[in-house]
Amino acid sequence: MATDTPAAPVARYPFPRWQALVLGLDFFILGRHRSFAAEGTRALRALPIQPQIAGLEHLPARGPLLLVINHYERPGLWTFWSTFLVSHAIRQRRGRHAEVHWLITAETRGTRYGPLPVPGALMRWVIGRVARGYGFITLPIAPQETAARAAALRSVLRALRSDDERAHIVGLSPEGTASPVLREALPGTGELLLLAARTGAAIVPVGITERSEHNWALTATFGAPLDLTPPPDVTRAGRDQWARAVVMQSIARLLPQDMRGCYRDARSQPG
């Protein structure tokens, strides 16, 4: 994408209204499916400052792939811009039919439309329709929904084992909560990552930031695939924590020091 060097971050990333209207018609009235990667490419091209992609050479050209990204968000820049950019990058590397199947939460809490609170049931319905339209995998956030959560995780592993090149790319954020800086990965995500590694999928970290050599452009930096083979001294009980630490430290190395949060001691990735 074209290089710009803005002097300050874009205050607000606006989603094109015409695109939002088309989405509403397709998802909530006609029930159609859409390409999230193509959607992202269109939306990104409309931005006044073009985002940047770095480290794309680290992505395997084919085969199952699990992308782990930081859940970057700030006022004026919703997290979906990060997933748009990553999905667009995958298309650049693997062709126009490549799609990332993002693992997302099945609901949000405390959502407001202006001064009005949005009922949780309505948000679940909206997220469900969007997920079906884009081919996302939804993960319930309530711990007591064990069967539905287990089904979502099986869907992730099934996608990674698929022979269909359009199905075997999955993306997720181990943090589970959006933030401008890294937060600790959620317990249990390490076990999922270890299971994913056993499918033969390449586990690739991605750092999302607006502060890089491209100045204030929104940037996705891809790191080298990770080796998630636990060392012999890691007990079975400690594998989840070990895998979480390895993955989050790998993401941290792709970010500026002041965005690394509780992983600030991670060394920068060699150039």
Foldseek 3Di string as FASTA:
>chain_A
DDFDFDPDADQAQDFDPVLVVVCCCCLVPVLAADALQVSLVVSQVPGPGHFAEAALVQDDQAAFAEEEEAQADDVRRHSVNVVNVVQPSNCVRHNDLAGAAEEAALWDPQDADVPHGDDGVVRNVVSVSNCSRHVHQHAYPDPVPVVNNVVSLVLLLVQNLDPDNNRRHYYYYQCNDYDNAGDQGDQPVLVSVVSSVVSVHFYKYWYWALPDPSHRHTYIYIDHTDDLDDDPVQDPVRRRVVSSLVRLLRRLLVDPLVRHPPSSPRHHDDD
